[in-house]
N, C-alpha and C. Protein backbone atom coordinates (compact mmCIF):
# COMPACT_ATOMS: atom_id res chain seq x y z
N UNK A 1 -44.31 47.31 -96.02
CA UNK A 1 -43.41 48.84 -96.09
C UNK A 1 -42.56 48.37 -97.59
N UNK A 2 -42.09 49.58 -98.48
CA UNK A 2 -42.03 50.12 -99.44
C UNK A 2 -40.67 48.22 -99.96
N UNK A 3 -40.85 47.90 -100.96
CA UNK A 3 -39.85 46.42 -100.67
C UNK A 3 -38.58 47.39 -101.00
N UNK A 4 -38.04 47.93 -101.31
CA UNK A 4 -36.80 48.47 -101.47
C UNK A 4 -36.02 49.13 -100.36
N UNK A 5 -36.70 49.37 -99.39
CA UNK A 5 -36.92 49.40 -98.32
C UNK A 5 -35.93 48.36 -97.59
N UNK A 6 -36.80 47.41 -97.28
CA UNK A 6 -37.29 45.97 -96.32
C UNK A 6 -35.90 45.91 -97.33
N UNK A 7 -35.75 45.81 -98.54
CA UNK A 7 -34.31 45.16 -98.92
C UNK A 7 -33.11 45.56 -98.63
N UNK A 8 -32.94 47.03 -98.89
CA UNK A 8 -32.01 47.87 -98.19
C UNK A 8 -31.56 47.84 -97.18
N UNK A 9 -32.67 47.45 -95.98
CA UNK A 9 -32.42 47.29 -94.42
C UNK A 9 -31.62 45.91 -93.98
N UNK A 10 -32.01 45.10 -95.24
CA UNK A 10 -31.79 43.17 -95.15
C UNK A 10 -30.27 43.65 -95.28
N UNK A 11 -30.23 44.31 -96.79
CA UNK A 11 -28.90 44.18 -96.96
C UNK A 11 -27.63 45.01 -96.14
N UNK A 12 -27.95 46.23 -95.32
CA UNK A 12 -27.43 46.71 -93.87
C UNK A 12 -26.97 45.62 -92.97
N UNK A 13 -28.01 45.37 -92.55
CA UNK A 13 -28.49 44.01 -91.42
C UNK A 13 -26.91 42.86 -91.98
N UNK A 14 -27.20 42.47 -92.68
CA UNK A 14 -26.66 41.55 -93.34
C UNK A 14 -24.96 41.78 -93.39
N UNK A 15 -24.70 42.88 -94.03
CA UNK A 15 -23.47 43.51 -94.14
C UNK A 15 -22.91 43.70 -92.53
N UNK A 16 -23.47 44.14 -91.99
CA UNK A 16 -23.25 44.62 -90.64
C UNK A 16 -22.75 43.53 -89.55
N UNK A 17 -23.73 42.25 -89.74
CA UNK A 17 -23.56 41.18 -89.26
C UNK A 17 -22.29 40.12 -89.41
N UNK A 18 -21.85 40.53 -91.13
CA UNK A 18 -20.65 39.99 -91.12
C UNK A 18 -19.42 40.79 -91.29
N UNK A 19 -19.70 41.87 -90.73
CA UNK A 19 -18.98 42.85 -90.40
C UNK A 19 -17.40 43.22 -92.17
N UNK A 20 -18.92 43.43 -92.28
CA UNK A 20 -17.76 44.20 -94.15
C UNK A 20 -18.55 45.96 -93.65
N UNK A 21 -17.70 46.54 -94.37
CA UNK A 21 -18.17 48.00 -94.74
C UNK A 21 -19.00 47.83 -96.47
N UNK A 22 -19.59 49.62 -96.40
CA UNK A 22 -20.17 49.32 -97.77
C UNK A 22 -19.36 48.97 -98.71
N UNK A 23 -17.95 49.77 -98.54
CA UNK A 23 -17.01 49.99 -99.77
C UNK A 23 -16.72 48.40 -99.66
N UNK A 24 -16.20 47.37 -98.72
CA UNK A 24 -15.83 45.88 -98.57
C UNK A 24 -17.12 45.12 -99.52
N UNK A 25 -17.98 45.62 -99.42
CA UNK A 25 -19.55 45.05 -100.07
C UNK A 25 -18.98 45.34 -101.40
N UNK A 26 -19.16 46.42 -101.69
CA UNK A 26 -19.32 46.82 -102.85
C UNK A 26 -18.11 46.38 -104.34
N UNK A 27 -16.66 46.20 -103.50
CA UNK A 27 -16.06 45.58 -104.32
C UNK A 27 -16.28 44.32 -104.24
N UNK A 28 -16.82 43.56 -103.22
CA UNK A 28 -16.93 41.94 -103.39
C UNK A 28 -17.80 41.62 -104.83
N UNK A 29 -19.13 43.21 -104.67
CA UNK A 29 -20.22 42.52 -105.35
C UNK A 29 -20.24 43.15 -106.73
N UNK A 30 -18.83 43.62 -107.03
CA UNK A 30 -18.06 44.00 -108.44
C UNK A 30 -19.08 45.25 -108.79
N UNK A 31 -19.32 46.27 -107.62
CA UNK A 31 -20.51 47.73 -107.89
C UNK A 31 -19.65 48.53 -107.33
N UNK A 32 -20.08 49.92 -107.93
CA UNK A 32 -19.42 50.93 -107.14
C UNK A 32 -19.75 51.36 -105.88
N UNK A 33 -18.55 51.72 -105.38
CA UNK A 33 -19.02 52.01 -104.06
C UNK A 33 -19.62 52.84 -103.51
N UNK A 34 -20.12 53.79 -104.31
CA UNK A 34 -21.60 54.95 -104.02
C UNK A 34 -22.78 54.35 -103.90
N UNK A 35 -22.92 52.64 -104.44
CA UNK A 35 -24.38 52.38 -104.97
C UNK A 35 -24.80 51.51 -103.87
N UNK A 36 -24.14 50.96 -103.08
CA UNK A 36 -24.26 50.54 -101.89
C UNK A 36 -25.46 51.54 -100.58
N UNK A 37 -24.94 52.57 -100.23
CA UNK A 37 -25.78 53.33 -99.07
C UNK A 37 -27.01 53.76 -100.24
N UNK A 38 -26.77 53.67 -101.35
CA UNK A 38 -28.36 54.31 -101.54
C UNK A 38 -29.70 53.06 -101.50
N UNK A 39 -28.72 52.22 -102.12
CA UNK A 39 -28.97 50.45 -101.85
C UNK A 39 -30.29 50.48 -100.76
N UNK A 40 -28.88 50.48 -99.54
CA UNK A 40 -29.65 50.21 -98.03
C UNK A 40 -30.54 51.38 -97.88
N UNK A 41 -30.80 52.82 -98.31
CA UNK A 41 -31.74 53.92 -97.66
C UNK A 41 -32.93 53.13 -98.70
N UNK A 42 -33.00 52.17 -99.48
CA UNK A 42 -34.30 52.08 -100.28
C UNK A 42 -34.03 52.85 -100.92
N UNK A 43 -33.41 53.62 -101.68
CA UNK A 43 -33.33 54.69 -103.07
C UNK A 43 -33.13 53.94 -104.50
N UNK A 44 -33.09 53.40 -104.50
CA UNK A 44 -32.72 52.30 -106.04
C UNK A 44 -33.73 51.05 -106.16
N UNK A 45 -34.04 51.07 -106.76
CA UNK A 45 -34.59 49.90 -107.99
C UNK A 45 -33.86 48.92 -107.89
N UNK A 46 -33.26 48.23 -107.58
CA UNK A 46 -32.02 47.34 -107.91
C UNK A 46 -32.69 46.26 -109.22
N UNK A 47 -31.87 46.00 -110.10
CA UNK A 47 -32.26 44.91 -111.02
C UNK A 47 -31.82 43.59 -110.03
N UNK A 48 -32.28 42.41 -110.85
CA UNK A 48 -32.19 41.42 -110.64
C UNK A 48 -30.66 40.69 -110.44
N UNK A 49 -29.63 41.18 -111.45
CA UNK A 49 -28.57 40.85 -111.77
C UNK A 49 -27.73 41.58 -110.47
N UNK A 50 -28.21 42.72 -109.82
CA UNK A 50 -27.34 43.37 -108.69
C UNK A 50 -28.07 42.33 -107.48
N UNK A 51 -29.21 42.37 -107.47
CA UNK A 51 -29.25 41.38 -106.08
C UNK A 51 -28.57 40.01 -106.07
N UNK A 52 -28.61 39.60 -107.15
CA UNK A 52 -27.27 38.30 -107.56
C UNK A 52 -26.11 38.48 -106.77
N UNK A 53 -25.40 39.75 -107.34
CA UNK A 53 -24.14 40.01 -106.99
C UNK A 53 -24.06 40.16 -105.52
N UNK A 54 -24.88 40.95 -105.02
CA UNK A 54 -24.92 41.21 -103.52
C UNK A 54 -24.98 39.81 -102.71
N UNK A 55 -26.21 38.85 -103.34
CA UNK A 55 -26.39 37.86 -102.41
C UNK A 55 -24.75 36.90 -102.12
N UNK A 56 -24.46 37.24 -103.62
CA UNK A 56 -23.17 36.06 -103.58
C UNK A 56 -22.20 36.91 -102.74
N UNK A 57 -21.84 37.99 -103.03
CA UNK A 57 -21.07 39.16 -102.08
C UNK A 57 -21.34 38.57 -100.57
N UNK A 58 -22.02 38.23 -99.99
CA UNK A 58 -22.80 38.24 -98.59
C UNK A 58 -22.42 36.74 -98.46
N UNK A 59 -22.65 35.74 -98.95
CA UNK A 59 -22.61 34.43 -99.12
C UNK A 59 -23.87 33.93 -98.41
N UNK A 60 -24.78 34.58 -99.38
CA UNK A 60 -26.41 33.74 -98.71
C UNK A 60 -27.24 33.99 -100.09
N UNK A 61 -28.07 33.04 -99.53
CA UNK A 61 -29.36 32.33 -100.83
C UNK A 61 -30.19 33.85 -101.29
N UNK A 62 -30.29 34.68 -102.15
CA UNK A 62 -30.84 35.38 -102.65
C UNK A 62 -32.06 35.87 -101.64
N UNK A 63 -33.15 34.78 -101.21
CA UNK A 63 -34.40 34.53 -100.90
C UNK A 63 -34.34 35.47 -99.09
N UNK A 64 -32.95 35.52 -98.54
CA UNK A 64 -32.65 36.07 -97.46
C UNK A 64 -33.00 37.53 -97.57
N UNK A 65 -32.56 38.27 -98.51
CA UNK A 65 -32.41 39.37 -98.88
C UNK A 65 -34.26 40.08 -98.84
N UNK A 66 -35.11 38.85 -98.60
CA UNK A 66 -36.51 39.87 -98.72
C UNK A 66 -37.35 38.80 -97.53
N UNK A 67 -36.42 38.59 -96.87
CA UNK A 67 -37.29 38.24 -95.81
C UNK A 67 -37.35 39.55 -94.66
N UNK A 68 -38.65 39.24 -93.96
CA UNK A 68 -38.90 40.08 -93.05
C UNK A 68 -37.55 40.37 -92.02
N UNK A 69 -37.04 39.29 -91.55
CA UNK A 69 -36.04 39.93 -90.71
C UNK A 69 -34.47 40.01 -90.63
N UNK A 70 -34.52 39.74 -92.18
CA UNK A 70 -33.17 39.87 -92.55
C UNK A 70 -32.07 38.91 -92.42
């Protein structure tokens, strides 16, 4: 599977598990609210800085975002 797709699926699964909307995640990560949906769909080639922001906003280790099962 494409790494962007897997990353996006993991972001979405963890976001839902933590009961966060896309907008709330974007706010916590200091990202534009329109950016999260495209990340979750695997449409974005995100930078390591954005990956770190998302991990911090989700309060998880970066590596979890790349796990097979999220």
